[in-house]
Amino acid sequence: MSDERPQMDEFQGQSVRGNLPAMQQAPEGSMNQMSVGASVMLQQIRALRNEATIRQKVVEMATRNAGGYLYSWEVKNSRTGKTETIEGGTIKLANDIARLWGNCRIMHRVEPFSDHFLITAAFLDLETNFWTERSFRQRRSINIGGKYDDGRKDDMAMQIGVSKAIRNVVLNALSEPAEIAVATVKKNFQSWVEKNPEKVAEFLNAHMERYGLEKARIEKTIGKRTEAWTVADKAVAMMKFRSLDEGAAAVDDVFPESVAISH
């Protein structure tokens, strides 16, 4: 991690994300300049960001989009024998925070190997010249779920890895607004589920189909028949599916088959 001007040549020709204003010539001292290979991009800063306003907008955004910003699932600690919760912000949250933050650039590079993809994502704040990057090793053999051919599964594994790398670098670089968003979602998620029953039902049905999971298997994990699910149960099921979307866990880990169900 460094606040020096980054060497961008390695990212030449790779995907570049951002909400930058249109490139234009600007007087010296009133622009940000970033080199990508041989290209020079000039960005005129029309107004410096207001972090207090951004924090307020993050709370509003996280309240409105609570259903899409958090993943969560449980895992048993093999050392202690206790069940622990793994949770975090989603790629949607990362992209939306970067959009609100503004005047920044996100890039990624993919290096394919026989059994994995090595994906490096980079975040550059054009206003402060802050630069950081994160690498992620994505197994090509990840259990995607569903009925896909090998080529499609490999492509999906790569896409999941790219999303993870971008999510990790953005949520690390913009940790304060990310923490505010996650805390807001936790506070409002069940209320969002209660107010949006049709969206919740559509989400759950679509995800069962996407991952090739029967309703009975989901019921086993939650521990109840769907007709007995409370708002809290639906919220848990949604966050478990988000864990699969984010590539945070495998299908068999989130929805194991060998669990009991209460009647």
C-alpha atoms as a PDB file:
ATOM      1  CA  MET A   1       0.000   0.000   0.000  1.00  0.00           C
ATOM      2  CA  SER A   2       1.390   3.395  -0.926  1.00  0.00           C
ATOM      3  CA  ASP A   3       0.333   6.985  -1.437  1.00  0.00           C
ATOM      4  CA  GLU A   4       2.837   7.382  -4.261  1.00  0.00           C
ATOM      5  CA  ARG A   5       1.741   7.559  -7.903  1.00  0.00           C
ATOM      6  CA  PRO A   6       1.169   3.926  -8.891  1.00  0.00           C
ATOM      7  CA  GLN A   7       2.722   2.188 -11.831  1.00  0.00           C
ATOM      8  CA  MET A   8      -0.321   1.338 -13.938  1.00  0.00           C
ATOM      9  CA  ASP A   9       1.287  -0.453 -16.889  1.00  0.00           C
ATOM     10  CA  GLU A  10       0.330  -3.899 -15.549  1.00  0.00           C
ATOM     11  CA  PHE A  11      -3.343  -2.982 -15.811  1.00  0.00           C
ATOM     12  CA  GLN A  12      -3.164  -1.802 -19.421  1.00  0.00           C
ATOM     13  CA  GLY A  13      -5.991  -3.331 -21.430  1.00  0.00           C
ATOM     14  CA  GLN A  14      -7.753  -4.653 -18.321  1.00  0.00           C
ATOM     15  CA  SER A  15     -11.218  -3.769 -17.075  1.00  0.00           C
ATOM     16  CA  VAL A  16     -11.474  -0.262 -15.647  1.00  0.00           C
ATOM     17  CA  ARG A  17     -14.448   0.734 -13.509  1.00  0.00           C
ATOM     18  CA  GLY A  18     -15.328   4.117 -12.143  1.00  0.00           C
ATOM     19  CA  ASN A  19     -17.659   7.080 -12.220  1.00  0.00           C
ATOM     20  CA  LEU A  20     -15.138   9.550 -13.548  1.00  0.00           C
ATOM     21  CA  PRO A  21     -16.195  12.671 -15.459  1.00  0.00           C
ATOM     22  CA  ALA A  22     -15.518  12.791 -19.179  1.00  0.00           C
ATOM     23  CA  MET A  23     -11.827  13.186 -20.033  1.00  0.00           C
ATOM     24  CA  GLN A  24     -10.922  16.735 -20.888  1.00  0.00           C
ATOM     25  CA  GLN A  25      -7.966  19.094 -21.009  1.00  0.00           C
ATOM     26  CA  ALA A  26      -7.619  21.108 -17.825  1.00  0.00           C
ATOM     27  CA  PRO A  27      -5.202  23.774 -16.613  1.00  0.00           C
ATOM     28  CA  GLU A  28      -2.212  22.555 -14.665  1.00  0.00           C
ATOM     29  CA  GLY A  29      -3.000  22.340 -10.960  1.00  0.00           C
ATOM     30  CA  SER A  30      -6.743  21.831 -11.468  1.00  0.00           C
ATOM     31  CA  MET A  31      -6.702  18.238 -12.630  1.00  0.00           C
ATOM     32  CA  ASN A  32      -5.814  14.704 -11.683  1.00  0.00           C
ATOM     33  CA  GLN A  33      -3.640  12.806 -14.135  1.00  0.00           C
ATOM     34  CA  MET A  34      -3.389   9.038 -14.363  1.00  0.00           C
ATOM     35  CA  SER A  35      -1.301   6.983 -16.802  1.00  0.00           C
ATOM     36  CA  VAL A  36      -2.577   3.648 -18.049  1.00  0.00           C
ATOM     37  CA  GLY A  37       0.120   2.281 -20.322  1.00  0.00           C
ATOM     38  CA  ALA A  38       0.721   4.931 -22.967  1.00  0.00           C
ATOM     39  CA  SER A  39      -2.596   6.728 -22.356  1.00  0.00           C
ATOM     40  CA  VAL A  40      -2.843   9.834 -20.201  1.00  0.00           C
ATOM     41  CA  MET A  41      -6.248  10.689 -18.733  1.00  0.00           C
ATOM     42  CA  LEU A  42      -6.929  14.201 -17.491  1.00  0.00           C
ATOM     43  CA  GLN A  43      -9.683  14.655 -14.925  1.00  0.00           C
ATOM     44  CA  GLN A  44     -10.865  18.112 -13.916  1.00  0.00           C
ATOM     45  CA  ILE A  45     -12.130  18.189 -10.331  1.00  0.00           C
ATOM     46  CA  ARG A  46     -15.398  20.122 -10.398  1.00  0.00           C
ATOM     47  CA  ALA A  47     -15.959  19.867  -6.639  1.00  0.00           C
ATOM     48  CA  LEU A  48     -14.055  18.145  -3.865  1.00  0.00           C
ATOM     49  CA  ARG A  49     -15.999  15.344  -2.200  1.00  0.00           C
ATOM     50  CA  ASN A  50     -17.878  16.072   0.997  1.00  0.00           C
ATOM     51  CA  GLU A  51     -17.343  13.088   3.294  1.00  0.00           C
ATOM     52  CA  ALA A  52     -20.088  14.120   5.722  1.00  0.00           C
ATOM     53  CA  THR A  53     -22.594  14.137   2.850  1.00  0.00           C
ATOM     54  CA  ILE A  54     -21.295  10.783   1.641  1.00  0.00           C
ATOM     55  CA  ARG A  55     -21.763   9.222   5.087  1.00  0.00           C
ATOM     56  CA  GLN A  56     -25.356  10.463   5.166  1.00  0.00           C
ATOM     57  CA  LYS A  57     -26.023   9.096   1.676  1.00  0.00           C
ATOM     58  CA  VAL A  58     -24.499   5.735   2.634  1.00  0.00           C
ATOM     59  CA  VAL A  59     -27.006   5.386   5.488  1.00  0.00           C
ATOM     60  CA  GLU A  60     -29.909   6.274   3.170  1.00  0.00           C
ATOM     61  CA  MET A  61     -28.645   3.906   0.483  1.00  0.00           C
ATOM     62  CA  ALA A  62     -28.068   1.018   2.897  1.00  0.00           C
ATOM     63  CA  THR A  63     -31.559   1.436   4.382  1.00  0.00           C
ATOM     64  CA  ARG A  64     -33.129   1.426   0.921  1.00  0.00           C
ATOM     65  CA  ASN A  65     -31.078  -1.512  -0.423  1.00  0.00           C
ATOM     66  CA  ALA A  66     -30.687  -3.590   2.740  1.00  0.00           C
ATOM     67  CA  GLY A  67     -31.628  -6.778   0.914  1.00  0.00           C
ATOM     68  CA  GLY A  68     -28.576  -6.665  -1.339  1.00  0.00           C
ATOM     69  CA  TYR A  69     -25.712  -5.461   0.820  1.00  0.00           C
ATOM     70  CA  LEU A  70     -24.869  -8.214   3.307  1.00  0.00           C
ATOM     71  CA  TYR A  71     -23.975 -11.905   3.151  1.00  0.00           C
ATOM     72  CA  SER A  72     -23.829 -14.197   6.155  1.00  0.00           C
ATOM     73  CA  TRP A  73     -23.527 -17.881   6.929  1.00  0.00           C
ATOM     74  CA  GLU A  74     -22.495 -20.106   9.827  1.00  0.00           C
ATOM     75  CA  VAL A  75     -19.515 -22.446  10.073  1.00  0.00           C
ATOM     76  CA  LYS A  76     -18.425 -24.771  12.839  1.00  0.00           C
ATOM     77  CA  ASN A  77     -14.976 -24.011  14.220  1.00  0.00           C
ATOM     78  CA  SER A  78     -13.091 -27.318  14.087  1.00  0.00           C
ATOM     79  CA  ARG A  79     -10.812 -26.201  16.936  1.00  0.00           C
ATOM     80  CA  THR A  80     -13.410 -24.939  19.428  1.00  0.00           C
ATOM     81  CA  GLY A  81     -16.445 -26.873  18.207  1.00  0.00           C
ATOM     82  CA  LYS A  82     -18.505 -23.669  18.337  1.00  0.00           C
ATOM     83  CA  THR A  83     -20.592 -22.267  15.486  1.00  0.00           C
ATOM     84  CA  GLU A  84     -19.304 -18.955  14.180  1.00  0.00           C
ATOM     85  CA  THR A  85     -20.900 -16.441  11.821  1.00  0.00           C
ATOM     86  CA  ILE A  86     -19.030 -15.261   8.753  1.00  0.00           C
ATOM     87  CA  GLU A  87     -20.402 -12.085   7.224  1.00  0.00           C
ATOM     88  CA  GLY A  88     -19.463  -9.130   5.085  1.00  0.00           C
ATOM     89  CA  GLY A  89     -20.509  -6.571   2.519  1.00  0.00           C
ATOM     90  CA  THR A  90     -21.409  -7.649  -1.016  1.00  0.00           C
ATOM     91  CA  ILE A  91     -19.989  -6.609  -4.384  1.00  0.00           C
ATOM     92  CA  LYS A  92     -23.138  -4.515  -4.895  1.00  0.00           C
ATOM     93  CA  LEU A  93     -22.329  -2.611  -1.722  1.00  0.00           C
ATOM     94  CA  ALA A  94     -18.723  -2.102  -2.867  1.00  0.00           C
ATOM     95  CA  ASN A  95     -19.790  -0.755  -6.258  1.00  0.00           C
ATOM     96  CA  ASP A  96     -22.413   1.566  -4.771  1.00  0.00           C
ATOM     97  CA  ILE A  97     -20.000   2.972  -2.172  1.00  0.00           C
ATOM     98  CA  ALA A  98     -17.374   3.602  -4.858  1.00  0.00           C
ATOM     99  CA  ARG A  99     -19.995   5.402  -6.942  1.00  0.00           C
ATOM    100  CA  LEU A 100     -20.917   7.644  -3.994  1.00  0.00           C
ATOM    101  CA  TRP A 101     -17.254   8.239  -3.116  1.00  0.00           C
ATOM    102  CA  GLY A 102     -16.592   9.427  -6.656  1.00  0.00           C
ATOM    103  CA  ASN A 103     -13.467  10.456  -8.546  1.00  0.00           C
ATOM    104  CA  CYS A 104     -11.886   7.048  -8.096  1.00  0.00           C
ATOM    105  CA  ARG A 105     -10.836   4.222 -10.345  1.00  0.00           C
ATOM    106  CA  ILE A 106     -11.099   0.436  -9.899  1.00  0.00           C
ATOM    107  CA  MET A 107      -9.177  -2.017 -12.073  1.00  0.00           C
ATOM    108  CA  HIS A 108      -8.510  -5.741 -12.100  1.00  0.00           C
ATOM    109  CA  ARG A 109      -6.087  -8.166 -13.707  1.00  0.00           C
ATOM    110  CA  VAL A 110      -6.683 -11.920 -14.137  1.00  0.00           C
ATOM    111  CA  GLU A 111      -3.852 -14.469 -14.363  1.00  0.00           C
ATOM    112  CA  PRO A 112      -5.073 -18.006 -15.208  1.00  0.00           C
ATOM    113  CA  PHE A 113      -3.304 -21.073 -13.819  1.00  0.00           C
ATOM    114  CA  SER A 114      -4.109 -24.774 -14.158  1.00  0.00           C
ATOM    115  CA  ASP A 115      -6.114 -25.022 -10.924  1.00  0.00           C
ATOM    116  CA  HIS A 116      -6.885 -21.404 -10.033  1.00  0.00           C
ATOM    117  CA  PHE A 117      -7.183 -17.795 -11.162  1.00  0.00           C
ATOM    118  CA  LEU A 118      -4.985 -15.167  -9.522  1.00  0.00           C
ATOM    119  CA  ILE A 119      -6.964 -11.933  -9.577  1.00  0.00           C
ATOM    120  CA  THR A 120      -5.529  -8.599  -8.519  1.00  0.00           C
ATOM    121  CA  ALA A 121      -7.855  -5.633  -8.043  1.00  0.00           C
ATOM    122  CA  ALA A 122      -6.631  -2.081  -7.583  1.00  0.00           C
ATOM    123  CA  PHE A 123      -8.278   1.048  -6.184  1.00  0.00           C
ATOM    124  CA  LEU A 124      -7.020   4.539  -6.960  1.00  0.00           C
ATOM    125  CA  ASP A 125      -8.446   7.687  -5.375  1.00  0.00           C
ATOM    126  CA  LEU A 126      -7.812  10.367  -8.004  1.00  0.00           C
ATOM    127  CA  GLU A 127      -8.506  13.123  -5.506  1.00  0.00           C
ATOM    128  CA  THR A 128      -5.987  12.125  -2.823  1.00  0.00           C
ATOM    129  CA  ASN A 129      -3.639   9.939  -4.915  1.00  0.00           C
ATOM    130  CA  PHE A 130      -4.233   7.031  -2.486  1.00  0.00           C
ATOM    131  CA  TRP A 131      -3.557   3.644  -4.073  1.00  0.00           C
ATOM    132  CA  THR A 132      -4.036   0.110  -2.788  1.00  0.00           C
ATOM    133  CA  GLU A 133      -4.518  -3.337  -4.272  1.00  0.00           C
ATOM    134  CA  ARG A 134      -5.644  -6.786  -3.168  1.00  0.00           C
ATOM    135  CA  SER A 135      -4.996 -10.176  -4.749  1.00  0.00           C
ATOM    136  CA  PHE A 136      -7.320 -13.130  -4.527  1.00  0.00           C
ATOM    137  CA  ARG A 137      -6.708 -16.768  -5.466  1.00  0.00           C
ATOM    138  CA  GLN A 138      -9.913 -18.290  -6.880  1.00  0.00           C
ATOM    139  CA  ARG A 139     -10.070 -22.091  -7.221  1.00  0.00           C
ATOM    140  CA  ARG A 140     -11.347 -23.197 -10.616  1.00  0.00           C
ATOM    141  CA  SER A 141     -12.941 -26.257  -8.981  1.00  0.00           C
ATOM    142  CA  ILE A 142     -15.328 -24.268  -6.760  1.00  0.00           C
ATOM    143  CA  ASN A 143     -18.747 -25.888  -6.333  1.00  0.00           C
ATOM    144  CA  ILE A 144     -20.987 -23.539  -8.325  1.00  0.00           C
ATOM    145  CA  GLY A 145     -24.168 -25.594  -7.953  1.00  0.00           C
ATOM    146  CA  GLY A 146     -26.744 -25.912 -10.707  1.00  0.00           C
ATOM    147  CA  LYS A 147     -26.460 -27.807 -13.992  1.00  0.00           C
ATOM    148  CA  TYR A 148     -23.743 -26.138 -16.053  1.00  0.00           C
ATOM    149  CA  ASP A 149     -21.134 -27.505 -18.439  1.00  0.00           C
ATOM    150  CA  ASP A 150     -17.456 -27.368 -17.440  1.00  0.00           C
ATOM    151  CA  GLY A 151     -16.719 -24.316 -19.572  1.00  0.00           C
ATOM    152  CA  ARG A 152     -19.551 -22.338 -18.031  1.00  0.00           C
ATOM    153  CA  LYS A 153     -18.516 -23.368 -14.519  1.00  0.00           C
ATOM    154  CA  ASP A 154     -14.950 -22.226 -15.201  1.00  0.00           C
ATOM    155  CA  ASP A 155     -16.204 -18.873 -16.491  1.00  0.00           C
ATOM    156  CA  MET A 156     -18.461 -18.457 -13.444  1.00  0.00           C
ATOM    157  CA  ALA A 157     -15.570 -19.295 -11.098  1.00  0.00           C
ATOM    158  CA  MET A 158     -13.483 -16.570 -12.725  1.00  0.00           C
ATOM    159  CA  GLN A 159     -16.305 -14.024 -12.473  1.00  0.00           C
ATOM    160  CA  ILE A 160     -16.835 -14.854  -8.802  1.00  0.00           C
ATOM    161  CA  GLY A 161     -13.124 -14.347  -8.190  1.00  0.00           C
ATOM    162  CA  VAL A 162     -13.134 -10.969  -9.937  1.00  0.00           C
ATOM    163  CA  SER A 163     -16.092  -9.831  -7.828  1.00  0.00           C
ATOM    164  CA  LYS A 164     -14.329 -10.974  -4.653  1.00  0.00           C
ATOM    165  CA  ALA A 165     -11.124  -9.147  -5.506  1.00  0.00           C
ATOM    166  CA  ILE A 166     -12.951  -5.909  -6.381  1.00  0.00           C
ATOM    167  CA  ARG A 167     -15.160  -6.197  -3.314  1.00  0.00           C
ATOM    168  CA  ASN A 168     -12.159  -6.761  -1.060  1.00  0.00           C
ATOM    169  CA  VAL A 169     -10.111  -3.840  -2.374  1.00  0.00           C
ATOM    170  CA  VAL A 170     -13.003  -1.337  -2.318  1.00  0.00           C
ATOM    171  CA  LEU A 171     -14.311  -2.275   1.122  1.00  0.00           C
ATOM    172  CA  ASN A 172     -10.732  -2.123   2.437  1.00  0.00           C
ATOM    173  CA  ALA A 173      -9.946   1.228   0.812  1.00  0.00           C
ATOM    174  CA  LEU A 174     -13.287   2.765   1.847  1.00  0.00           C
ATOM    175  CA  SER A 175     -13.565   1.021   5.198  1.00  0.00           C
ATOM    176  CA  GLU A 176     -15.413   3.786   7.073  1.00  0.00           C
ATOM    177  CA  PRO A 177     -18.397   4.117   4.700  1.00  0.00           C
ATOM    178  CA  ALA A 178     -18.424   0.318   4.332  1.00  0.00           C
ATOM    179  CA  GLU A 179     -18.682  -0.176   8.101  1.00  0.00           C
ATOM    180  CA  ILE A 180     -21.469   2.422   8.287  1.00  0.00           C
ATOM    181  CA  ALA A 181     -23.375   0.601   5.539  1.00  0.00           C
ATOM    182  CA  VAL A 182     -23.034  -2.841   7.135  1.00  0.00           C
ATOM    183  CA  ALA A 183     -24.156  -1.517  10.527  1.00  0.00           C
ATOM    184  CA  THR A 184     -27.169   0.164   8.877  1.00  0.00           C
ATOM    185  CA  VAL A 185     -28.128  -3.035   7.044  1.00  0.00           C
ATOM    186  CA  LYS A 186     -27.964  -5.091  10.248  1.00  0.00           C
ATOM    187  CA  LYS A 187     -30.257  -2.585  11.919  1.00  0.00           C
ATOM    188  CA  ASN A 188     -32.809  -2.458   9.097  1.00  0.00           C
ATOM    189  CA  PHE A 189     -32.618  -5.793   7.287  1.00  0.00           C
ATOM    190  CA  GLN A 190     -35.516  -7.577   8.954  1.00  0.00           C
ATOM    191  CA  SER A 191     -37.693  -4.495   8.499  1.00  0.00           C
ATOM    192  CA  TRP A 192     -36.780  -4.475   4.788  1.00  0.00           C
ATOM    193  CA  VAL A 193     -37.713  -8.164   4.486  1.00  0.00           C
ATOM    194  CA  GLU A 194     -41.063  -7.552   6.191  1.00  0.00           C
ATOM    195  CA  LYS A 195     -41.880  -4.613   3.896  1.00  0.00           C
ATOM    196  CA  ASN A 196     -40.868  -6.404   0.667  1.00  0.00           C
ATOM    197  CA  PRO A 197     -42.478  -9.877   0.767  1.00  0.00           C
ATOM    198  CA  GLU A 198     -42.800 -10.150  -3.020  1.00  0.00           C
ATOM    199  CA  LYS A 199     -39.139  -9.271  -3.616  1.00  0.00           C
ATOM    200  CA  VAL A 200     -38.088 -11.747  -0.929  1.00  0.00           C
ATOM    201  CA  ALA A 201     -40.184 -14.577  -2.399  1.00  0.00           C
ATOM    202  CA  GLU A 202     -38.897 -13.839  -5.900  1.00  0.00           C
ATOM    203  CA  PHE A 203     -35.297 -13.779  -4.632  1.00  0.00           C
ATOM    204  CA  LEU A 204     -35.581 -17.087  -2.767  1.00  0.00           C
ATOM    205  CA  ASN A 205     -37.319 -18.914  -5.629  1.00  0.00           C
ATOM    206  CA  ALA A 206     -34.852 -17.607  -8.221  1.00  0.00           C
ATOM    207  CA  HIS A 207     -31.864 -18.602  -6.099  1.00  0.00           C
ATOM    208  CA  MET A 208     -33.146 -22.115  -5.412  1.00  0.00           C
ATOM    209  CA  GLU A 209     -33.435 -22.548  -9.165  1.00  0.00           C
ATOM    210  CA  ARG A 210     -30.056 -20.952  -9.858  1.00  0.00           C
ATOM    211  CA  TYR A 211     -28.204 -23.289  -7.521  1.00  0.00           C
ATOM    212  CA  GLY A 212     -30.322 -26.358  -8.259  1.00  0.00           C
ATOM    213  CA  LEU A 213     -31.555 -26.690  -4.679  1.00  0.00           C
ATOM    214  CA  GLU A 214     -34.875 -28.199  -3.685  1.00  0.00           C
ATOM    215  CA  LYS A 215     -37.057 -26.423  -1.155  1.00  0.00           C
ATOM    216  CA  ALA A 216     -36.733 -29.335   1.288  1.00  0.00           C
ATOM    217  CA  ARG A 217     -32.974 -28.834   1.492  1.00  0.00           C
ATOM    218  CA  ILE A 218     -33.366 -25.132   2.304  1.00  0.00           C
ATOM    219  CA  GLU A 219     -35.969 -26.005   4.922  1.00  0.00           C
ATOM    220  CA  LYS A 220     -33.560 -28.449   6.556  1.00  0.00           C
ATOM    221  CA  THR A 221     -30.947 -25.720   6.954  1.00  0.00           C
ATOM    222  CA  ILE A 222     -33.380 -23.175   8.380  1.00  0.00           C
ATOM    223  CA  GLY A 223     -34.937 -25.896  10.538  1.00  0.00           C
ATOM    224  CA  LYS A 224     -38.575 -25.210   9.607  1.00  0.00           C
ATOM    225  CA  ARG A 225     -41.053 -25.719   6.804  1.00  0.00           C
ATOM    226  CA  THR A 226     -41.324 -22.594   4.648  1.00  0.00           C
ATOM    227  CA  GLU A 227     -44.912 -21.956   5.731  1.00  0.00           C
ATOM    228  CA  ALA A 228     -43.641 -21.562   9.296  1.00  0.00           C
ATOM    229  CA  TRP A 229     -40.810 -19.167   8.428  1.00  0.00           C
ATOM    230  CA  THR A 230     -40.701 -15.903  10.330  1.00  0.00           C
ATOM    231  CA  VAL A 231     -39.305 -12.654   8.955  1.00  0.00           C
ATOM    232  CA  ALA A 232     -36.026 -13.507  10.699  1.00  0.00           C
ATOM    233  CA  ASP A 233     -35.915 -16.931   8.997  1.00  0.00           C
ATOM    234  CA  LYS A 234     -36.402 -15.352   5.574  1.00  0.00           C
ATOM    235  CA  ALA A 235     -33.651 -12.849   6.315  1.00  0.00           C
ATOM    236  CA  VAL A 236     -31.276 -15.675   7.264  1.00  0.00           C
ATOM    237  CA  ALA A 237     -32.102 -17.606   4.094  1.00  0.00           C
ATOM    238  CA  MET A 238     -31.472 -14.526   1.945  1.00  0.00           C
ATOM    239  CA  MET A 239     -28.084 -13.833   3.513  1.00  0.00           C
ATOM    240  CA  LYS A 240     -27.075 -17.474   3.067  1.00  0.00           C
ATOM    241  CA  PHE A 241     -27.856 -17.253  -0.643  1.00  0.00           C
ATOM    242  CA  ARG A 242     -25.896 -13.998  -0.809  1.00  0.00           C
ATOM    243  CA  SER A 243     -22.917 -15.972   0.532  1.00  0.00           C
ATOM    244  CA  LEU A 244     -23.164 -18.208  -2.540  1.00  0.00           C
ATOM    245  CA  ASP A 245     -23.555 -15.227  -4.874  1.00  0.00           C
ATOM    246  CA  GLU A 246     -20.423 -13.680  -3.391  1.00  0.00           C
ATOM    247  CA  GLY A 247     -18.464 -16.926  -3.618  1.00  0.00           C
ATOM    248  CA  ALA A 248     -17.852 -16.725   0.131  1.00  0.00           C
ATOM    249  CA  ALA A 249     -18.835 -20.358   0.652  1.00  0.00           C
ATOM    250  CA  ALA A 250     -19.734 -23.540  -1.217  1.00  0.00           C
ATOM    251  CA  VAL A 251     -23.286 -24.812  -1.608  1.00  0.00           C
ATOM    252  CA  ASP A 252     -22.671 -27.869   0.591  1.00  0.00           C
ATOM    253  CA  ASP A 253     -21.303 -25.675   3.385  1.00  0.00           C
ATOM    254  CA  VAL A 254     -24.191 -23.215   3.416  1.00  0.00           C
ATOM    255  CA  PHE A 255     -26.990 -25.722   2.795  1.00  0.00           C
ATOM    256  CA  PRO A 256     -25.780 -29.119   4.059  1.00  0.00           C
ATOM    257  CA  GLU A 257     -28.041 -32.083   3.395  1.00  0.00           C
ATOM    258  CA  SER A 258     -27.460 -33.875   6.697  1.00  0.00           C
ATOM    259  CA  VAL A 259     -29.390 -31.603   9.060  1.00  0.00           C
ATOM    260  CA  ALA A 260     -32.618 -32.197  10.912  1.00  0.00           C
ATOM    261  CA  ILE A 261     -35.854 -30.280  10.421  1.00  0.00           C
ATOM    262  CA  SER A 262     -38.432 -29.497  13.062  1.00  0.00           C
ATOM    263  CA  HIS A 263     -42.129 -29.984  12.363  1.00  0.00           C
END
